[in-house]
Every structure is written in structure tokens, then in C-alpha cells.
Amino acid sequence: MTRTQRIEARLRDAFQPRLLEVVDESERHRGHAGYQDGGESHFHVTIAADAFAGLNRIARHRAIHAALGKELVAEIHALGLSVSD
């Protein structure tokens, strides 16, 4: 299972989102710090789920990081988030 697939699966399981887009932006960072051959080092996630209602931006980001887990987060160099309820 790719990192993209693992991110999608964990976020779907945790939040049952109405909208989930996981974009591998690694190629845009070729030659920069953290770039890994084969990609899957830089991601942008757009997610909308009722689970985020009432949470501030920091709490939403913490919830996403917790759902992904320390091991998967450690494999990712950059993770951009756009989160809404």
C-alpha cells in the first residue's frame, strides 16, 4: 500500500469525510530538502468532515496527525492541510 493510500485509508476510517483529496506534491520539490526518489514525501490534504465542527485549526491538525499515527507522519517530509467541517 502506498503512502497516499495509507493516508486516505486512515483519514476515511477516523473521520468519514464528505470530501477527501490527498495530493502527492513531491515532484514540485525535486532537488529540495526532504525530496525522496519515487515521490510520496510532500502531500497536501483537503478534508471536510463533521468531526471537525467546533474544533479550532490547531485541534483539527492535531486530530489529523493522531489519525495518521506517528510512524506515518515520520515518513512524510511535508504535509499541508486544508480542513473544514
PDB file of N, CA and C in Angstrom:
ATOM      1  N   MET A   1       0.847  -1.173   0.000  1.00  0.00           N
ATOM      2  CA  MET A   1       0.000   0.000   0.000  1.00  0.00           C
ATOM      3  C   MET A   1       0.898   1.244   0.000  1.00  0.00           C
ATOM      4  N   THR A   2       0.622   2.185  -0.870  1.00  0.00           N
ATOM      5  CA  THR A   2       1.423   3.407  -0.955  1.00  0.00           C
ATOM      6  C   THR A   2       1.129   4.326   0.224  1.00  0.00           C
ATOM      7  N   ARG A   3       1.982   5.322   0.428  1.00  0.00           N
ATOM      8  CA  ARG A   3       1.719   6.307   1.481  1.00  0.00           C
ATOM      9  C   ARG A   3       0.410   7.046   1.210  1.00  0.00           C
ATOM     10  N   THR A   4       0.181   7.394  -0.049  1.00  0.00           N
ATOM     11  CA  THR A   4      -1.070   8.080  -0.397  1.00  0.00           C
ATOM     12  C   THR A   4      -2.262   7.237   0.021  1.00  0.00           C
ATOM     13  N   GLN A   5      -2.242   5.968  -0.291  1.00  0.00           N
ATOM     14  CA  GLN A   5      -3.333   5.071   0.074  1.00  0.00           C
ATOM     15  C   GLN A   5      -3.468   4.930   1.584  1.00  0.00           C
ATOM     16  N   ARG A   6      -2.345   4.873   2.285  1.00  0.00           N
ATOM     17  CA  ARG A   6      -2.383   4.768   3.745  1.00  0.00           C
ATOM     18  C   ARG A   6      -2.979   6.025   4.361  1.00  0.00           C
ATOM     19  N   ILE A   7      -2.594   7.196   3.843  1.00  0.00           N
ATOM     20  CA  ILE A   7      -3.156   8.455   4.342  1.00  0.00           C
ATOM     21  C   ILE A   7      -4.666   8.464   4.124  1.00  0.00           C
ATOM     22  N   GLU A   8      -5.097   8.148   2.907  1.00  0.00           N
ATOM     23  CA  GLU A   8      -6.528   8.140   2.596  1.00  0.00           C
ATOM     24  C   GLU A   8      -7.291   7.179   3.499  1.00  0.00           C
ATOM     25  N   ALA A   9      -6.785   5.968   3.662  1.00  0.00           N
ATOM     26  CA  ALA A   9      -7.476   4.963   4.468  1.00  0.00           C
ATOM     27  C   ALA A   9      -7.610   5.393   5.922  1.00  0.00           C
ATOM     28  N   ARG A  10      -6.532   5.905   6.488  1.00  0.00           N
ATOM     29  CA  ARG A  10      -6.582   6.297   7.902  1.00  0.00           C
ATOM     30  C   ARG A  10      -7.514   7.481   8.131  1.00  0.00           C
ATOM     31  N   LEU A  11      -7.506   8.438   7.211  1.00  0.00           N
ATOM     32  CA  LEU A  11      -8.384   9.601   7.377  1.00  0.00           C
ATOM     33  C   LEU A  11      -9.845   9.227   7.152  1.00  0.00           C
ATOM     34  N   ARG A  12     -10.122   8.351   6.200  1.00  0.00           N
ATOM     35  CA  ARG A  12     -11.504   7.884   5.990  1.00  0.00           C
ATOM     36  C   ARG A  12     -12.003   7.129   7.220  1.00  0.00           C
ATOM     37  N   ASP A  13     -11.184   6.253   7.758  1.00  0.00           N
ATOM     38  CA  ASP A  13     -11.569   5.477   8.940  1.00  0.00           C
ATOM     39  C   ASP A  13     -11.833   6.382  10.144  1.00  0.00           C
ATOM     40  N   ALA A  14     -10.998   7.386  10.321  1.00  0.00           N
ATOM     41  CA  ALA A  14     -11.092   8.237  11.510  1.00  0.00           C
ATOM     42  C   ALA A  14     -12.214   9.267  11.431  1.00  0.00           C
ATOM     43  N   PHE A  15     -12.472   9.812  10.229  1.00  0.00           N
ATOM     44  CA  PHE A  15     -13.358  10.979  10.142  1.00  0.00           C
ATOM     45  C   PHE A  15     -14.575  10.823   9.232  1.00  0.00           C
ATOM     46  N   GLN A  16     -14.671   9.759   8.452  1.00  0.00           N
ATOM     47  CA  GLN A  16     -15.761   9.575   7.499  1.00  0.00           C
ATOM     48  C   GLN A  16     -16.050  10.893   6.750  1.00  0.00           C
ATOM     49  N   PRO A  17     -15.055  11.411   6.050  1.00  0.00           N
ATOM     50  CA  PRO A  17     -15.194  12.733   5.436  1.00  0.00           C
ATOM     51  C   PRO A  17     -16.171  12.761   4.252  1.00  0.00           C
ATOM     52  N   ARG A  18     -16.789  13.929   4.079  1.00  0.00           N
ATOM     53  CA  ARG A  18     -17.612  14.183   2.898  1.00  0.00           C
ATOM     54  C   ARG A  18     -16.716  14.452   1.698  1.00  0.00           C
ATOM     55  N   LEU A  19     -15.556  15.033   1.973  1.00  0.00           N
ATOM     56  CA  LEU A  19     -14.578  15.360   0.939  1.00  0.00           C
ATOM     57  C   LEU A  19     -13.205  14.962   1.443  1.00  0.00           C
ATOM     58  N   LEU A  20     -12.458  14.264   0.610  1.00  0.00           N
ATOM     59  CA  LEU A  20     -11.076  13.924   0.944  1.00  0.00           C
ATOM     60  C   LEU A  20     -10.267  13.882  -0.345  1.00  0.00           C
ATOM     61  N   GLU A  21      -9.256  14.732  -0.409  1.00  0.00           N
ATOM     62  CA  GLU A  21      -8.324  14.739  -1.527  1.00  0.00           C
ATOM     63  C   GLU A  21      -6.911  14.692  -0.955  1.00  0.00           C
ATOM     64  N   VAL A  22      -6.146  13.733  -1.388  1.00  0.00           N
ATOM     65  CA  VAL A  22      -4.746  13.607  -0.980  1.00  0.00           C
ATOM     66  C   VAL A  22      -3.912  13.755  -2.246  1.00  0.00           C
ATOM     67  N   VAL A  23      -3.131  14.823  -2.308  1.00  0.00           N
ATOM     68  CA  VAL A  23      -2.340  15.123  -3.490  1.00  0.00           C
ATOM     69  C   VAL A  23      -0.862  14.989  -3.150  1.00  0.00           C
ATOM     70  N   ASP A  24      -0.171  14.156  -3.932  1.00  0.00           N
ATOM     71  CA  ASP A  24       1.280  13.991  -3.786  1.00  0.00           C
ATOM     72  C   ASP A  24       1.941  15.135  -4.561  1.00  0.00           C
ATOM     73  N   GLU A  25       2.507  16.091  -3.839  1.00  0.00           N
ATOM     74  CA  GLU A  25       3.157  17.255  -4.442  1.00  0.00           C
ATOM     75  C   GLU A  25       4.676  17.106  -4.498  1.00  0.00           C
ATOM     76  N   SER A  26       5.160  15.913  -4.323  1.00  0.00           N
ATOM     77  CA  SER A  26       6.594  15.670  -4.200  1.00  0.00           C
ATOM     78  C   SER A  26       7.383  16.158  -5.407  1.00  0.00           C
ATOM     79  N   GLU A  27       6.871  15.937  -6.585  1.00  0.00           N
ATOM     80  CA  GLU A  27       7.620  16.291  -7.791  1.00  0.00           C
ATOM     81  C   GLU A  27       7.909  17.788  -7.851  1.00  0.00           C
ATOM     82  N   ARG A  28       7.040  18.594  -7.275  1.00  0.00           N
ATOM     83  CA  ARG A  28       7.258  20.044  -7.230  1.00  0.00           C
ATOM     84  C   ARG A  28       8.459  20.403  -6.357  1.00  0.00           C
ATOM     85  N   HIS A  29       8.922  19.460  -5.533  1.00  0.00           N
ATOM     86  CA  HIS A  29      10.001  19.714  -4.580  1.00  0.00           C
ATOM     87  C   HIS A  29      11.294  18.992  -4.942  1.00  0.00           C
ATOM     88  N   ARG A  30      11.352  18.481  -6.160  1.00  0.00           N
ATOM     89  CA  ARG A  30      12.564  17.777  -6.613  1.00  0.00           C
ATOM     90  C   ARG A  30      13.768  18.701  -6.423  1.00  0.00           C
ATOM     91  N   GLY A  31      14.826  18.170  -5.806  1.00  0.00           N
ATOM     92  CA  GLY A  31      16.035  18.947  -5.575  1.00  0.00           C
ATOM     93  C   GLY A  31      16.031  19.724  -4.272  1.00  0.00           C
ATOM     94  N   HIS A  32      14.911  19.725  -3.571  1.00  0.00           N
ATOM     95  CA  HIS A  32      14.818  20.430  -2.287  1.00  0.00           C
ATOM     96  C   HIS A  32      14.963  19.435  -1.134  1.00  0.00           C
ATOM     97  N   ALA A  33      15.139  19.976   0.044  1.00  0.00           N
ATOM     98  CA  ALA A  33      15.269  19.142   1.241  1.00  0.00           C
ATOM     99  C   ALA A  33      14.046  18.244   1.400  1.00  0.00           C
ATOM    100  N   GLY A  34      14.292  17.005   1.756  1.00  0.00           N
ATOM    101  CA  GLY A  34      13.209  16.078   2.031  1.00  0.00           C
ATOM    102  C   GLY A  34      12.677  15.343   0.832  1.00  0.00           C
ATOM    103  N   TYR A  35      13.063  15.747  -0.372  1.00  0.00           N
ATOM    104  CA  TYR A  35      12.588  15.050  -1.563  1.00  0.00           C
ATOM    105  C   TYR A  35      13.134  13.627  -1.561  1.00  0.00           C
ATOM    106  N   GLN A  36      12.278  12.678  -1.919  1.00  0.00           N
ATOM    107  CA  GLN A  36      12.688  11.280  -1.994  1.00  0.00           C
ATOM    108  C   GLN A  36      12.417  10.778  -3.410  1.00  0.00           C
ATOM    109  N   ASP A  37      13.354  10.070  -3.990  1.00  0.00           N
ATOM    110  CA  ASP A  37      13.109   9.474  -5.299  1.00  0.00           C
ATOM    111  C   ASP A  37      11.864   8.605  -5.213  1.00  0.00           C
ATOM    112  N   GLY A  38      11.027   8.714  -6.214  1.00  0.00           N
ATOM    113  CA  GLY A  38       9.782   7.956  -6.211  1.00  0.00           C
ATOM    114  C   GLY A  38       8.623   8.733  -5.626  1.00  0.00           C
ATOM    115  N   GLY A  39       8.901   9.909  -5.082  1.00  0.00           N
ATOM    116  CA  GLY A  39       7.825  10.756  -4.548  1.00  0.00           C
ATOM    117  C   GLY A  39       7.335  10.314  -3.190  1.00  0.00           C
ATOM    118  N   GLU A  40       6.123  10.697  -2.905  1.00  0.00           N
ATOM    119  CA  GLU A  40       5.436  10.406  -1.651  1.00  0.00           C
ATOM    120  C   GLU A  40       6.188  10.936  -0.425  1.00  0.00           C
ATOM    121  N   SER A  41       6.710  12.148  -0.569  1.00  0.00           N
ATOM    122  CA  SER A  41       7.378  12.816   0.549  1.00  0.00           C
ATOM    123  C   SER A  41       6.679  14.119   0.930  1.00  0.00           C
ATOM    124  N   HIS A  42       5.976  14.730  -0.004  1.00  0.00           N
ATOM    125  CA  HIS A  42       5.290  16.010   0.201  1.00  0.00           C
ATOM    126  C   HIS A  42       3.822  15.847  -0.218  1.00  0.00           C
ATOM    127  N   PHE A  43       2.915  16.149   0.696  1.00  0.00           N
ATOM    128  CA  PHE A  43       1.495  15.962   0.420  1.00  0.00           C
ATOM    129  C   PHE A  43       0.690  17.202   0.780  1.00  0.00           C
ATOM    130  N   HIS A  44      -0.447  17.330   0.120  1.00  0.00           N
ATOM    131  CA  HIS A  44      -1.448  18.300   0.542  1.00  0.00           C
ATOM    132  C   HIS A  44      -2.772  17.554   0.663  1.00  0.00           C
ATOM    133  N   VAL A  45      -3.416  17.697   1.830  1.00  0.00           N
ATOM    134  CA  VAL A  45      -4.685  17.036   2.107  1.00  0.00           C
ATOM    135  C   VAL A  45      -5.767  18.093   2.251  1.00  0.00           C
ATOM    136  N   THR A  46      -6.859  17.881   1.533  1.00  0.00           N
ATOM    137  CA  THR A  46      -8.073  18.683   1.706  1.00  0.00           C
ATOM    138  C   THR A  46      -9.122  17.735   2.258  1.00  0.00           C
ATOM    139  N   ILE A  47      -9.693  18.112   3.397  1.00  0.00           N
ATOM    140  CA  ILE A  47     -10.655  17.224   4.054  1.00  0.00           C
ATOM    141  C   ILE A  47     -11.787  18.049   4.667  1.00  0.00           C
ATOM    142  N   ALA A  48     -13.005  17.540   4.517  1.00  0.00           N
ATOM    143  CA  ALA A  48     -14.184  18.147   5.138  1.00  0.00           C
ATOM    144  C   ALA A  48     -14.971  17.045   5.835  1.00  0.00           C
ATOM    145  N   ALA A  49     -15.211  17.229   7.133  1.00  0.00           N
ATOM    146  CA  ALA A  49     -15.916  16.213   7.908  1.00  0.00           C
ATOM    147  C   ALA A  49     -16.604  16.858   9.092  1.00  0.00           C
ATOM    148  N   ASP A  50     -17.756  16.309   9.461  1.00  0.00           N
ATOM    149  CA  ASP A  50     -18.489  16.805  10.621  1.00  0.00           C
ATOM    150  C   ASP A  50     -17.667  16.702  11.899  1.00  0.00           C
ATOM    151  N   ALA A  51     -16.729  15.772  11.926  1.00  0.00           N
ATOM    152  CA  ALA A  51     -15.905  15.558  13.124  1.00  0.00           C
ATOM    153  C   ALA A  51     -15.094  16.788  13.507  1.00  0.00           C
ATOM    154  N   PHE A  52     -14.901  17.715  12.573  1.00  0.00           N
ATOM    155  CA  PHE A  52     -14.104  18.905  12.854  1.00  0.00           C
ATOM    156  C   PHE A  52     -14.930  20.083  13.372  1.00  0.00           C
ATOM    157  N   ALA A  53     -16.231  19.924  13.425  1.00  0.00           N
ATOM    158  CA  ALA A  53     -17.105  21.007  13.898  1.00  0.00           C
ATOM    159  C   ALA A  53     -16.730  21.374  15.335  1.00  0.00           C
ATOM    160  N   GLY A  54     -16.586  22.646  15.588  1.00  0.00           N
ATOM    161  CA  GLY A  54     -16.285  23.133  16.927  1.00  0.00           C
ATOM    162  C   GLY A  54     -14.813  23.082  17.306  1.00  0.00           C
ATOM    163  N   LEU A  55     -13.969  22.527  16.437  1.00  0.00           N
ATOM    164  CA  LEU A  55     -12.540  22.461  16.732  1.00  0.00           C
ATOM    165  C   LEU A  55     -11.819  23.628  16.057  1.00  0.00           C
ATOM    166  N   ASN A  56     -10.863  24.204  16.763  1.00  0.00           N
ATOM    167  CA  ASN A  56     -10.066  25.258  16.134  1.00  0.00           C
ATOM    168  C   ASN A  56      -9.034  24.624  15.202  1.00  0.00           C
ATOM    169  N   ARG A  57      -8.308  25.453  14.478  1.00  0.00           N
ATOM    170  CA  ARG A  57      -7.363  24.966  13.472  1.00  0.00           C
ATOM    171  C   ARG A  57      -6.313  24.034  14.078  1.00  0.00           C
ATOM    172  N   ILE A  58      -5.778  24.390  15.221  1.00  0.00           N
ATOM    173  CA  ILE A  58      -4.740  23.566  15.844  1.00  0.00           C
ATOM    174  C   ILE A  58      -5.306  22.211  16.265  1.00  0.00           C
ATOM    175  N   ALA A  59      -6.488  22.205  16.845  1.00  0.00           N
ATOM    176  CA  ALA A  59      -7.113  20.944  17.259  1.00  0.00           C
ATOM    177  C   ALA A  59      -7.412  20.055  16.053  1.00  0.00           C
ATOM    178  N   ARG A  60      -7.822  20.659  14.945  1.00  0.00           N
ATOM    179  CA  ARG A  60      -8.081  19.891  13.723  1.00  0.00           C
ATOM    180  C   ARG A  60      -6.797  19.248  13.209  1.00  0.00           C
ATOM    181  N   HIS A  61      -5.724  20.011  13.188  1.00  0.00           N
ATOM    182  CA  HIS A  61      -4.448  19.483  12.706  1.00  0.00           C
ATOM    183  C   HIS A  61      -3.931  18.379  13.633  1.00  0.00           C
ATOM    184  N   ARG A  62      -4.083  18.574  14.924  1.00  0.00           N
ATOM    185  CA  ARG A  62      -3.662  17.535  15.877  1.00  0.00           C
ATOM    186  C   ARG A  62      -4.463  16.255  15.684  1.00  0.00           C
ATOM    187  N   ALA A  63      -5.757  16.396  15.423  1.00  0.00           N
ATOM    188  CA  ALA A  63      -6.609  15.218  15.208  1.00  0.00           C
ATOM    189  C   ALA A  63      -6.169  14.459  13.963  1.00  0.00           C
ATOM    190  N   ILE A  64      -5.820  15.181  12.925  1.00  0.00           N
ATOM    191  CA  ILE A  64      -5.352  14.533  11.689  1.00  0.00           C
ATOM    192  C   ILE A  64      -4.033  13.823  11.930  1.00  0.00           C
ATOM    193  N   HIS A  65      -3.104  14.476  12.589  1.00  0.00           N
ATOM    194  CA  HIS A  65      -1.809  13.843  12.882  1.00  0.00           C
ATOM    195  C   HIS A  65      -2.003  12.602  13.746  1.00  0.00           C
ATOM    196  N   ALA A  66      -2.903  12.657  14.713  1.00  0.00           N
ATOM    197  CA  ALA A  66      -3.164  11.498  15.567  1.00  0.00           C
ATOM    198  C   ALA A  66      -3.755  10.354  14.747  1.00  0.00           C
ATOM    199  N   ALA A  67      -4.658  10.678  13.833  1.00  0.00           N
ATOM    200  CA  ALA A  67      -5.274   9.644  12.995  1.00  0.00           C
ATOM    201  C   ALA A  67      -4.251   8.991  12.067  1.00  0.00           C
ATOM    202  N   LEU A  68      -3.322   9.768  11.574  1.00  0.00           N
ATOM    203  CA  LEU A  68      -2.286   9.209  10.694  1.00  0.00           C
ATOM    204  C   LEU A  68      -1.306   8.347  11.460  1.00  0.00           C
ATOM    205  N   GLY A  69      -1.021   8.721  12.688  1.00  0.00           N
ATOM    206  CA  GLY A  69      -0.091   7.957  13.511  1.00  0.00           C
ATOM    207  C   GLY A  69       1.330   8.456  13.370  1.00  0.00           C
ATOM    208  N   LYS A  70       2.098   8.322  14.443  1.00  0.00           N
ATOM    209  CA  LYS A  70       3.473   8.819  14.483  1.00  0.00           C
ATOM    210  C   LYS A  70       4.354   8.214  13.397  1.00  0.00           C
ATOM    211  N   GLU A  71       4.177   6.917  13.133  1.00  0.00           N
ATOM    212  CA  GLU A  71       5.039   6.248  12.158  1.00  0.00           C
ATOM    213  C   GLU A  71       4.848   6.822  10.758  1.00  0.00           C
ATOM    214  N   LEU A  72       3.593   6.996  10.350  1.00  0.00           N
ATOM    215  CA  LEU A  72       3.324   7.516   9.007  1.00  0.00           C
ATOM    216  C   LEU A  72       3.724   8.983   8.911  1.00  0.00           C
ATOM    217  N   VAL A  73       3.427   9.770   9.923  1.00  0.00           N
ATOM    218  CA  VAL A  73       3.815  11.189   9.916  1.00  0.00           C
ATOM    219  C   VAL A  73       5.336  11.310   9.803  1.00  0.00           C
ATOM    220  N   ALA A  74       6.075  10.417  10.450  1.00  0.00           N
ATOM    221  CA  ALA A  74       7.537  10.462  10.394  1.00  0.00           C
ATOM    222  C   ALA A  74       8.077  10.165   8.993  1.00  0.00           C
ATOM    223  N   GLU A  75       7.312   9.475   8.165  1.00  0.00           N
ATOM    224  CA  GLU A  75       7.730   9.152   6.802  1.00  0.00           C
ATOM    225  C   GLU A  75       7.491  10.307   5.829  1.00  0.00           C
ATOM    226  N   ILE A  76       6.724  11.285   6.239  1.00  0.00           N
ATOM    227  CA  ILE A  76       6.324  12.395   5.373  1.00  0.00           C
ATOM    228  C   ILE A  76       7.175  13.613   5.697  1.00  0.00           C
ATOM    229  N   HIS A  77       7.765  14.226   4.675  1.00  0.00           N
ATOM    230  CA  HIS A  77       8.576  15.415   4.900  1.00  0.00           C
ATOM    231  C   HIS A  77       7.708  16.650   5.090  1.00  0.00           C
ATOM    232  N   ALA A  78       6.645  16.792   4.299  1.00  0.00           N
ATOM    233  CA  ALA A  78       5.786  17.973   4.379  1.00  0.00           C
ATOM    234  C   ALA A  78       4.337  17.552   4.191  1.00  0.00           C
ATOM    235  N   LEU A  79       3.460  18.117   5.034  1.00  0.00           N
ATOM    236  CA  LEU A  79       2.036  17.819   4.973  1.00  0.00           C
ATOM    237  C   LEU A  79       1.257  19.111   5.106  1.00  0.00           C
ATOM    238  N   GLY A  80       0.685  19.559   4.005  1.00  0.00           N
ATOM    239  CA  GLY A  80      -0.171  20.743   4.018  1.00  0.00           C
ATOM    240  C   GLY A  80      -1.610  20.300   4.229  1.00  0.00           C
ATOM    241  N   LEU A  81      -2.354  21.068   5.018  1.00  0.00           N
ATOM    242  CA  LEU A  81      -3.722  20.703   5.338  1.00  0.00           C
ATOM    243  C   LEU A  81      -4.693  21.841   5.070  1.00  0.00           C
ATOM    244  N   SER A  82      -5.811  21.506   4.442  1.00  0.00           N
ATOM    245  CA  SER A  82      -6.960  22.394   4.314  1.00  0.00           C
ATOM    246  C   SER A  82      -8.124  21.631   4.917  1.00  0.00           C
ATOM    247  N   VAL A  83      -8.606  22.097   6.076  1.00  0.00           N
ATOM    248  CA  VAL A  83      -9.575  21.347   6.861  1.00  0.00           C
ATOM    249  C   VAL A  83     -10.837  22.188   7.091  1.00  0.00           C
ATOM    250  N   SER A  84     -12.001  21.564   6.886  1.00  0.00           N
ATOM    251  CA  SER A  84     -13.261  22.255   7.183  1.00  0.00           C
ATOM    252  C   SER A  84     -14.266  21.255   7.718  1.00  0.00           C
ATOM    253  N   ASP A  85     -15.303  21.795   8.376  1.00  0.00           N
ATOM    254  CA  ASP A  85     -16.344  20.907   8.891  1.00  0.00           C
ATOM    255  C   ASP A  85     -17.515  20.873   7.939  1.00  0.00           C
TER     256      ASP A  85
END
